[in-house]
C-alpha atoms as a PDB file:
ATOM      1  CA  MET A   1      92.822  83.136 195.113  1.00  0.00           C
ATOM      2  CA  LYS A   2      90.545  85.874 193.927  1.00  0.00           C
ATOM      3  CA  GLN A   3      87.258  87.319 195.075  1.00  0.00           C
ATOM      4  CA  GLU A   4      84.591  85.491 193.063  1.00  0.00           C
ATOM      5  CA  TRP A   5      81.757  83.022 192.817  1.00  0.00           C
ATOM      6  CA  ALA A   6      83.253  79.723 191.599  1.00  0.00           C
ATOM      7  CA  ASN A   7      81.748  76.529 190.208  1.00  0.00           C
ATOM      8  CA  ILE A   8      83.676  73.846 192.092  1.00  0.00           C
ATOM      9  CA  SER A   9      82.692  70.447 193.445  1.00  0.00           C
ATOM     10  CA  ASN A  10      81.656  69.840 197.023  1.00  0.00           C
ATOM     11  CA  GLU A  11      84.751  67.647 197.454  1.00  0.00           C
ATOM     12  CA  GLU A  12      87.093  70.397 196.261  1.00  0.00           C
ATOM     13  CA  TYR A  13      85.362  73.035 198.382  1.00  0.00           C
ATOM     14  CA  HIS A  14      85.748  71.026 201.583  1.00  0.00           C
ATOM     15  CA  ASN A  15      89.058  69.220 201.053  1.00  0.00           C
ATOM     16  CA  SER A  16      91.279  71.189 198.665  1.00  0.00           C
ATOM     17  CA  PRO A  17      94.466  72.492 200.381  1.00  0.00           C
ATOM     18  CA  LYS A  18      93.919  75.699 198.401  1.00  0.00           C
ATOM     19  CA  TYR A  19      90.953  76.648 200.586  1.00  0.00           C
ATOM     20  CA  LYS A  20      92.049  75.301 203.971  1.00  0.00           C
ATOM     21  CA  TRP A  21      92.829  78.741 205.405  1.00  0.00           C
ATOM     22  CA  CYS A  22      89.421  80.141 204.475  1.00  0.00           C
ATOM     23  CA  MET A  23      87.099  80.876 207.387  1.00  0.00           C
ATOM     24  CA  THR A  24      83.746  79.142 206.944  1.00  0.00           C
ATOM     25  CA  HIS A  25      80.602  78.697 209.013  1.00  0.00           C
ATOM     26  CA  SER A  26      81.787  75.276 210.198  1.00  0.00           C
ATOM     27  CA  GLY A  27      85.195  76.780 210.887  1.00  0.00           C
ATOM     28  CA  LEU A  28      83.664  79.494 213.058  1.00  0.00           C
ATOM     29  CA  VAL A  29      81.869  76.861 215.132  1.00  0.00           C
ATOM     30  CA  GLU A  30      85.154  75.007 215.673  1.00  0.00           C
ATOM     31  CA  PHE A  31      87.138  78.192 216.320  1.00  0.00           C
ATOM     32  CA  ALA A  32      84.606  79.191 218.981  1.00  0.00           C
ATOM     33  CA  LYS A  33      85.754  76.123 220.963  1.00  0.00           C
ATOM     34  CA  SER A  34      89.364  77.271 220.694  1.00  0.00           C
ATOM     35  CA  PRO A  35      91.937  78.137 218.013  1.00  0.00           C
ATOM     36  CA  ALA A  36      93.557  74.734 218.607  1.00  0.00           C
ATOM     37  CA  HIS A  37      90.263  73.014 217.826  1.00  0.00           C
ATOM     38  CA  TRP A  38      90.023  74.943 214.542  1.00  0.00           C
ATOM     39  CA  LEU A  39      93.558  73.979 213.541  1.00  0.00           C
ATOM     40  CA  ALA A  40      92.867  70.292 214.228  1.00  0.00           C
ATOM     41  CA  TRP A  41      89.560  70.488 212.355  1.00  0.00           C
ATOM     42  CA  ARG A  42      91.210  72.189 209.377  1.00  0.00           C
ATOM     43  CA  ASP A  43      93.726  69.357 208.969  1.00  0.00           C
ATOM     44  CA  LYS A  44      91.150  66.587 209.329  1.00  0.00           C
ATOM     45  CA  PRO A  45      89.624  65.225 206.087  1.00  0.00           C
ATOM     46  CA  SER A  46      85.863  65.614 205.752  1.00  0.00           C
ATOM     47  CA  GLU A  47      83.914  62.666 207.131  1.00  0.00           C
ATOM     48  CA  THR A  48      81.575  60.642 204.962  1.00  0.00           C
ATOM     49  CA  THR A  49      78.700  59.205 206.995  1.00  0.00           C
ATOM     50  CA  PRO A  50      75.394  57.655 205.875  1.00  0.00           C
ATOM     51  CA  ALA A  51      73.598  60.812 207.072  1.00  0.00           C
ATOM     52  CA  LEU A  52      75.918  63.064 205.043  1.00  0.00           C
ATOM     53  CA  LYS A  53      75.515  60.868 201.955  1.00  0.00           C
ATOM     54  CA  PHE A  54      71.732  61.017 202.283  1.00  0.00           C
ATOM     55  CA  GLY A  55      71.936  64.788 202.740  1.00  0.00           C
ATOM     56  CA  GLN A  56      74.019  65.140 199.581  1.00  0.00           C
ATOM     57  CA  ALA A  57      71.565  63.034 197.581  1.00  0.00           C
ATOM     58  CA  TYR A  58      68.707  65.112 199.016  1.00  0.00           C
ATOM     59  CA  HIS A  59      70.370  68.379 197.992  1.00  0.00           C
ATOM     60  CA  TRP A  60      71.048  67.120 194.493  1.00  0.00           C
ATOM     61  CA  LEU A  61      67.453  65.999 194.037  1.00  0.00           C
ATOM     62  CA  MET A  62      65.998  69.263 195.327  1.00  0.00           C
ATOM     63  CA  LEU A  63      68.468  71.725 193.776  1.00  0.00           C
ATOM     64  CA  GLU A  64      70.468  70.006 191.031  1.00  0.00           C
ATOM     65  CA  PRO A  65      68.336  67.143 189.665  1.00  0.00           C
ATOM     66  CA  GLU A  66      70.724  66.590 186.753  1.00  0.00           C
ATOM     67  CA  LYS A  67      73.453  65.643 189.256  1.00  0.00           C
ATOM     68  CA  PHE A  68      71.038  63.379 191.100  1.00  0.00           C
ATOM     69  CA  GLY A  69      70.352  61.532 187.861  1.00  0.00           C
ATOM     70  CA  LYS A  70      74.061  61.276 187.085  1.00  0.00           C
ATOM     71  CA  TYR A  71      75.538  60.405 190.466  1.00  0.00           C
ATOM     72  CA  VAL A  72      72.880  58.663 192.591  1.00  0.00           C
ATOM     73  CA  PHE A  73      72.358  54.935 192.071  1.00  0.00           C
ATOM     74  CA  VAL A  74      70.029  52.422 193.701  1.00  0.00           C
ATOM     75  CA  PHE A  75      71.393  49.090 194.947  1.00  0.00           C
ATOM     76  CA  GLU A  76      69.135  46.416 196.388  1.00  0.00           C
ATOM     77  CA  GLY A  77      70.776  44.153 198.915  1.00  0.00           C
ATOM     78  CA  ARG A  78      73.591  44.300 201.405  1.00  0.00           C
ATOM     79  CA  LYS A  79      76.336  46.783 200.685  1.00  0.00           C
ATOM     80  CA  TYR A  80      79.269  44.376 200.811  1.00  0.00           C
ATOM     81  CA  GLY A  81      80.581  41.353 198.946  1.00  0.00           C
ATOM     82  CA  LYS A  82      81.587  40.651 195.350  1.00  0.00           C
ATOM     83  CA  LYS A  83      78.253  41.691 193.847  1.00  0.00           C
ATOM     84  CA  TYR A  84      78.367  45.071 195.556  1.00  0.00           C
ATOM     85  CA  ASP A  85      82.040  45.598 194.711  1.00  0.00           C
ATOM     86  CA  ALA A  86      81.308  44.865 191.045  1.00  0.00           C
ATOM     87  CA  PHE A  87      78.419  47.344 191.169  1.00  0.00           C
ATOM     88  CA  LEU A  88      80.664  50.048 192.631  1.00  0.00           C
ATOM     89  CA  GLY A  89      83.264  49.424 189.951  1.00  0.00           C
ATOM     90  CA  GLN A  90      80.805  50.539 187.271  1.00  0.00           C
ATOM     91  CA  LEU A  91      79.932  53.865 188.902  1.00  0.00           C
ATOM     92  CA  PRO A  92      81.414  57.278 188.075  1.00  0.00           C
ATOM     93  CA  GLU A  93      83.692  59.015 190.553  1.00  0.00           C
ATOM     94  CA  GLY A  94      81.713  60.811 193.232  1.00  0.00           C
ATOM     95  CA  ALA A  95      78.646  58.567 192.915  1.00  0.00           C
ATOM     96  CA  LEU A  96      76.361  57.852 195.865  1.00  0.00           C
ATOM     97  CA  VAL A  97      74.539  54.579 196.460  1.00  0.00           C
ATOM     98  CA  VAL A  98      71.104  54.495 198.112  1.00  0.00           C
ATOM     99  CA  SER A  99      68.767  51.661 198.973  1.00  0.00           C
ATOM    100  CA  PRO A 100      65.349  51.259 197.302  1.00  0.00           C
ATOM    101  CA  ASP A 101      63.694  52.499 200.511  1.00  0.00           C
ATOM    102  CA  GLU A 102      65.928  55.584 200.584  1.00  0.00           C
ATOM    103  CA  ALA A 103      65.200  56.294 196.917  1.00  0.00           C
ATOM    104  CA  THR A 104      61.464  56.121 197.617  1.00  0.00           C
ATOM    105  CA  GLN A 105      61.883  58.369 200.640  1.00  0.00           C
ATOM    106  CA  LEU A 106      63.808  60.946 198.596  1.00  0.00           C
ATOM    107  CA  TRP A 107      61.201  61.066 195.843  1.00  0.00           C
ATOM    108  CA  ASP A 108      58.366  61.357 198.362  1.00  0.00           C
ATOM    109  CA  MET A 109      60.212  64.279 199.954  1.00  0.00           C
ATOM    110  CA  LYS A 110      60.572  65.856 196.511  1.00  0.00           C
ATOM    111  CA  ILE A 111      56.806  65.550 195.975  1.00  0.00           C
ATOM    112  CA  ALA A 112      56.185  67.268 199.328  1.00  0.00           C
ATOM    113  CA  ILE A 113      58.561  70.101 198.335  1.00  0.00           C
ATOM    114  CA  ARG A 114      56.655  70.558 195.073  1.00  0.00           C
ATOM    115  CA  LYS A 115      53.389  70.901 197.002  1.00  0.00           C
ATOM    116  CA  HIS A 116      54.792  73.678 199.224  1.00  0.00           C
ATOM    117  CA  LEU A 117      54.231  77.045 197.543  1.00  0.00           C
ATOM    118  CA  ILE A 118      57.374  78.836 198.748  1.00  0.00           C
ATOM    119  CA  ALA A 119      59.738  75.842 198.641  1.00  0.00           C
ATOM    120  CA  ASN A 120      58.557  74.912 195.157  1.00  0.00           C
ATOM    121  CA  SER A 121      59.060  78.431 193.795  1.00  0.00           C
ATOM    122  CA  LEU A 122      62.531  78.791 195.324  1.00  0.00           C
ATOM    123  CA  THR A 123      63.868  75.390 194.209  1.00  0.00           C
ATOM    124  CA  ARG A 124      62.667  75.463 190.609  1.00  0.00           C
ATOM    125  CA  THR A 125      65.506  75.071 188.108  1.00  0.00           C
ATOM    126  CA  GLY A 126      66.234  78.338 186.354  1.00  0.00           C
ATOM    127  CA  THR A 127      64.930  80.604 189.109  1.00  0.00           C
ATOM    128  CA  MET A 128      67.979  80.402 191.359  1.00  0.00           C
ATOM    129  CA  ILE A 129      71.728  79.725 191.432  1.00  0.00           C
ATOM    130  CA  PRO A 130      72.373  76.514 193.404  1.00  0.00           C
ATOM    131  CA  GLU A 131      75.431  75.429 195.362  1.00  0.00           C
ATOM    132  CA  GLN A 132      77.901  78.030 194.097  1.00  0.00           C
ATOM    133  CA  ALA A 133      81.000  78.671 196.207  1.00  0.00           C
ATOM    134  CA  GLY A 134      82.013  82.228 197.012  1.00  0.00           C
ATOM    135  CA  PHE A 135      85.431  83.468 198.172  1.00  0.00           C
ATOM    136  CA  PHE A 136      85.871  86.926 199.674  1.00  0.00           C
ATOM    137  CA  LYS A 137      87.532  89.111 202.300  1.00  0.00           C
ATOM    138  CA  LEU A 138      85.562  91.099 204.836  1.00  0.00           C
ATOM    139  CA  GLU A 139      86.588  94.709 205.343  1.00  0.00           C
ATOM    140  CA  GLY A 140      89.223  95.050 208.040  1.00  0.00           C
ATOM    141  CA  TYR A 141      90.539  91.479 207.805  1.00  0.00           C
ATOM    142  CA  SER A 142      93.347  89.998 205.707  1.00  0.00           C
ATOM    143  CA  PHE A 143      92.160  86.382 205.600  1.00  0.00           C
ATOM    144  CA  TRP A 144      89.777  84.783 203.119  1.00  0.00           C
ATOM    145  CA  CYS A 145      86.284  83.559 203.903  1.00  0.00           C
ATOM    146  CA  SER A 146      84.253  81.078 201.890  1.00  0.00           C
ATOM    147  CA  ILE A 147      80.537  80.362 201.601  1.00  0.00           C
ATOM    148  CA  LYS A 148      78.418  77.932 199.580  1.00  0.00           C
ATOM    149  CA  PRO A 149      74.732  78.897 199.724  1.00  0.00           C
ATOM    150  CA  ASP A 150      72.263  76.252 198.639  1.00  0.00           C
ATOM    151  CA  ILE A 151      70.131  78.876 196.921  1.00  0.00           C
ATOM    152  CA  ARG A 152      71.053  82.365 195.723  1.00  0.00           C
ATOM    153  CA  ASN A 153      68.204  84.307 194.133  1.00  0.00           C
ATOM    154  CA  LYS A 154      69.375  87.705 192.911  1.00  0.00           C
ATOM    155  CA  ASN A 155      65.935  88.738 191.657  1.00  0.00           C
ATOM    156  CA  LEU A 156      64.295  88.188 195.043  1.00  0.00           C
ATOM    157  CA  GLN A 157      67.493  89.260 196.817  1.00  0.00           C
ATOM    158  CA  LEU A 158      67.519  86.298 199.152  1.00  0.00           C
ATOM    159  CA  LEU A 159      69.696  83.373 200.138  1.00  0.00           C
ATOM    160  CA  ALA A 160      68.265  80.083 201.350  1.00  0.00           C
ATOM    161  CA  ASP A 161      69.495  76.879 202.932  1.00  0.00           C
ATOM    162  CA  VAL A 162      67.697  73.573 202.336  1.00  0.00           C
ATOM    163  CA  LYS A 163      67.712  71.273 205.354  1.00  0.00           C
ATOM    164  CA  SER A 164      66.323  67.824 206.026  1.00  0.00           C
ATOM    165  CA  ALA A 165      65.614  67.418 209.729  1.00  0.00           C
ATOM    166  CA  ILE A 166      64.146  65.047 212.278  1.00  0.00           C
ATOM    167  CA  SER A 167      61.663  67.765 213.210  1.00  0.00           C
ATOM    168  CA  ALA A 168      60.662  70.927 211.359  1.00  0.00           C
ATOM    169  CA  HIS A 169      58.532  72.149 214.282  1.00  0.00           C
ATOM    170  CA  PRO A 170      59.450  75.751 215.208  1.00  0.00           C
ATOM    171  CA  VAL A 171      60.377  74.879 218.797  1.00  0.00           C
ATOM    172  CA  GLU A 172      62.729  72.110 217.690  1.00  0.00           C
ATOM    173  CA  PHE A 173      64.216  73.989 214.754  1.00  0.00           C
ATOM    174  CA  SER A 174      64.849  77.043 216.926  1.00  0.00           C
ATOM    175  CA  LYS A 175      66.872  74.769 219.208  1.00  0.00           C
ATOM    176  CA  SER A 176      68.827  73.506 216.200  1.00  0.00           C
ATOM    177  CA  VAL A 177      69.596  77.069 215.118  1.00  0.00           C
ATOM    178  CA  GLY A 178      71.052  77.796 218.550  1.00  0.00           C
ATOM    179  CA  ASN A 179      72.838  74.460 219.002  1.00  0.00           C
ATOM    180  CA  PHE A 180      74.463  74.330 215.555  1.00  0.00           C
ATOM    181  CA  LYS A 181      74.891  78.102 215.147  1.00  0.00           C
ATOM    182  CA  TYR A 182      72.825  78.257 211.955  1.00  0.00           C
ATOM    183  CA  HIS A 183      72.386  81.990 212.602  1.00  0.00           C
ATOM    184  CA  TRP A 184      76.165  82.372 212.238  1.00  0.00           C
ATOM    185  CA  GLN A 185      75.870  80.788 208.811  1.00  0.00           C
ATOM    186  CA  ALA A 186      73.095  83.213 207.874  1.00  0.00           C
ATOM    187  CA  TRP A 187      75.152  86.255 208.899  1.00  0.00           C
ATOM    188  CA  LEU A 188      78.385  85.110 207.220  1.00  0.00           C
ATOM    189  CA  TYR A 189      76.645  84.133 203.978  1.00  0.00           C
ATOM    190  CA  LEU A 190      74.706  87.395 203.758  1.00  0.00           C
ATOM    191  CA  ALA A 191      77.892  89.381 204.475  1.00  0.00           C
ATOM    192  CA  GLY A 192      79.823  87.456 201.832  1.00  0.00           C
ATOM    193  CA  ALA A 193      77.105  87.709 199.186  1.00  0.00           C
ATOM    194  CA  ARG A 194      76.955  91.466 199.795  1.00  0.00           C
ATOM    195  CA  VAL A 195      80.695  91.748 199.108  1.00  0.00           C
ATOM    196  CA  LEU A 196      80.587  89.489 196.038  1.00  0.00           C
ATOM    197  CA  ASP A 197      77.430  90.838 194.397  1.00  0.00           C
ATOM    198  CA  GLY A 198      77.661  94.469 195.448  1.00  0.00           C
ATOM    199  CA  PHE A 199      74.241  94.784 197.063  1.00  0.00           C
ATOM    200  CA  THR A 200      72.545  93.785 200.304  1.00  0.00           C
ATOM    201  CA  TYR A 201      70.403  90.668 200.195  1.00  0.00           C
ATOM    202  CA  LYS A 202      67.124  91.223 202.022  1.00  0.00           C
ATOM    203  CA  ASP A 203      66.465  87.807 203.516  1.00  0.00           C
ATOM    204  CA  TRP A 204      67.928  84.523 204.662  1.00  0.00           C
ATOM    205  CA  LEU A 205      65.556  81.544 204.625  1.00  0.00           C
ATOM    206  CA  TRP A 206      65.761  77.971 205.846  1.00  0.00           C
ATOM    207  CA  LEU A 207      63.618  75.535 203.863  1.00  0.00           C
ATOM    208  CA  THR A 208      63.278  72.814 206.468  1.00  0.00           C
ATOM    209  CA  GLN A 209      61.759  69.397 205.754  1.00  0.00           C
ATOM    210  CA  GLU A 210      61.165  66.451 208.036  1.00  0.00           C
ATOM    211  CA  LYS A 211      62.622  63.118 206.942  1.00  0.00           C
ATOM    212  CA  THR A 212      59.563  61.086 207.920  1.00  0.00           C
ATOM    213  CA  TYR A 213      56.055  60.930 206.455  1.00  0.00           C
ATOM    214  CA  PRO A 214      54.211  63.183 205.665  1.00  0.00           C
ATOM    215  CA  TYR A 215      57.528  65.064 205.121  1.00  0.00           C
ATOM    216  CA  PRO A 216      56.228  68.498 206.210  1.00  0.00           C
ATOM    217  CA  VAL A 217      58.058  71.558 204.888  1.00  0.00           C
ATOM    218  CA  VAL A 218      58.411  74.913 206.683  1.00  0.00           C
ATOM    219  CA  ALA A 219      60.074  78.099 205.412  1.00  0.00           C
ATOM    220  CA  TYR A 220      61.777  80.000 208.249  1.00  0.00           C
ATOM    221  CA  ARG A 221      63.272  83.481 207.930  1.00  0.00           C
ATOM    222  CA  ALA A 222      66.171  84.738 210.068  1.00  0.00           C
ATOM    223  CA  THR A 223      65.015  87.810 211.980  1.00  0.00           C
ATOM    224  CA  GLU A 224      67.004  91.031 212.160  1.00  0.00           C
ATOM    225  CA  ARG A 225      67.476  90.475 215.881  1.00  0.00           C
ATOM    226  CA  MET A 226      68.884  87.007 215.240  1.00  0.00           C
ATOM    227  CA  LEU A 227      71.335  88.355 212.663  1.00  0.00           C
ATOM    228  CA  MET A 228      72.456  91.152 214.977  1.00  0.00           C
ATOM    229  CA  ARG A 229      73.019  88.586 217.722  1.00  0.00           C
ATOM    230  CA  ALA A 230      75.106  86.534 215.296  1.00  0.00           C
ATOM    231  CA  GLN A 231      77.181  89.576 214.336  1.00  0.00           C
ATOM    232  CA  GLY A 232      77.935  90.347 217.971  1.00  0.00           C
ATOM    233  CA  GLN A 233      79.097  86.765 218.510  1.00  0.00           C
ATOM    234  CA  ILE A 234      81.116  86.440 215.280  1.00  0.00           C
ATOM    235  CA  ILE A 235      83.073  89.719 215.161  1.00  0.00           C
ATOM    236  CA  PRO A 236      85.216  88.878 218.240  1.00  0.00           C
ATOM    237  CA  LEU A 237      85.969  85.473 216.707  1.00  0.00           C
ATOM    238  CA  LEU A 238      87.090  87.053 213.428  1.00  0.00           C
ATOM    239  CA  SER A 239      89.351  89.456 215.318  1.00  0.00           C
ATOM    240  CA  GLN A 240      90.842  86.592 217.306  1.00  0.00           C
ATOM    241  CA  PHE A 241      91.353  84.583 214.116  1.00  0.00           C
ATOM    242  CA  GLN A 242      93.207  87.544 212.583  1.00  0.00           C
ATOM    243  CA  TRP A 243      95.478  87.649 215.659  1.00  0.00           C
ATOM    244  CA  CYS A 244      96.166  83.902 215.474  1.00  0.00           C
ATOM    245  CA  ILE A 245      97.158  84.157 211.810  1.00  0.00           C
ATOM    246  CA  GLU A 246      99.412  87.178 212.355  1.00  0.00           C
ATOM    247  CA  ASN A 247     101.153  85.601 215.356  1.00  0.00           C
ATOM    248  CA  ASP A 248     100.980  81.954 214.246  1.00  0.00           C
ATOM    249  CA  GLN A 249      99.699  80.990 217.673  1.00  0.00           C
ATOM    250  CA  TRP A 250      96.782  78.619 218.156  1.00  0.00           C
ATOM    251  CA  PRO A 251      96.078  78.255 221.894  1.00  0.00           C
ATOM    252  CA  SER A 252      93.455  75.939 223.312  1.00  0.00           C
ATOM    253  CA  TYR A 253      90.972  77.131 225.934  1.00  0.00           C
ATOM    254  CA  PHE A 254      93.497  79.481 227.574  1.00  0.00           C
ATOM    255  CA  PRO A 255      97.002  80.797 226.747  1.00  0.00           C
ATOM    256  CA  ASP A 256      99.791  78.432 227.778  1.00  0.00           C
ATOM    257  CA  ASP A 257     101.260  80.938 230.249  1.00  0.00           C
ATOM    258  CA  ARG A 258      98.154  81.131 232.441  1.00  0.00           C
ATOM    259  CA  VAL A 259      97.047  79.050 235.436  1.00  0.00           C
ATOM    260  CA  ILE A 260      93.270  79.048 235.862  1.00  0.00           C
ATOM    261  CA  ASP A 261      91.593  78.880 239.278  1.00  0.00           C
ATOM    262  CA  ILE A 262      88.674  76.458 239.225  1.00  0.00           C
ATOM    263  CA  GLU A 263      85.809  75.849 241.645  1.00  0.00           C
ATOM    264  CA  LEU A 264      83.442  72.972 242.193  1.00  0.00           C
ATOM    265  CA  PRO A 265      80.172  73.110 240.223  1.00  0.00           C
ATOM    266  CA  ARG A 266      77.118  74.422 242.071  1.00  0.00           C
ATOM    267  CA  TRP A 267      75.612  70.950 242.421  1.00  0.00           C
ATOM    268  CA  ALA A 268      78.725  69.435 244.112  1.00  0.00           C
END
């Protein structure tokens, strides 16, 4: 491996054995549970769910419309049986199949993005670098990290993540940031982009869009306080990950040689 931005597929980025030892945002979330959880997660193939397929089609339409046109196909009817199997047999590798209702939903969401001043300017083809994977080492650590920002805009010196959500309301999205550790992603991606591009990016944005009509769009910026909080939470994890690699030990919640005293919960 070498320190670089690389044009690789989403499948290769997530499932290639070459990158399995890279620390990622998702990996940090798993490692925070325990090193054993990270090791199990690393060896598990990426899941493909209807929600993830819709999210991939959404990202292609918003950021890489040429891929949407090449890999997303509409099928009317039930997705099983001889007719559906014959349809699948004609598709290119990596294609996604959506229903007519989903196709309409995606295009209506695209229209809403185009009407939003900031989202429209940041997702226009030619103004940004979409979905490019970056591989790097942070100072003081021997292991590789990897990132894949949805949007990298060197002129504006910002990175952005495009998210479809049940709710884009600030109260609900703030909960999502905390629950899914999106602020960890912001910190890691900004740190990696700084290493790879040689300058400090000024901002991290989330372009968040609701998946139901009228498909409202909100641009949220990670605050300096949020990023500092993320750094304080991530650095101990990186140090622990370094120790696990050096010692080839991947304990669960506690080391195997410890017995933990436990009390009843307060409500019992």
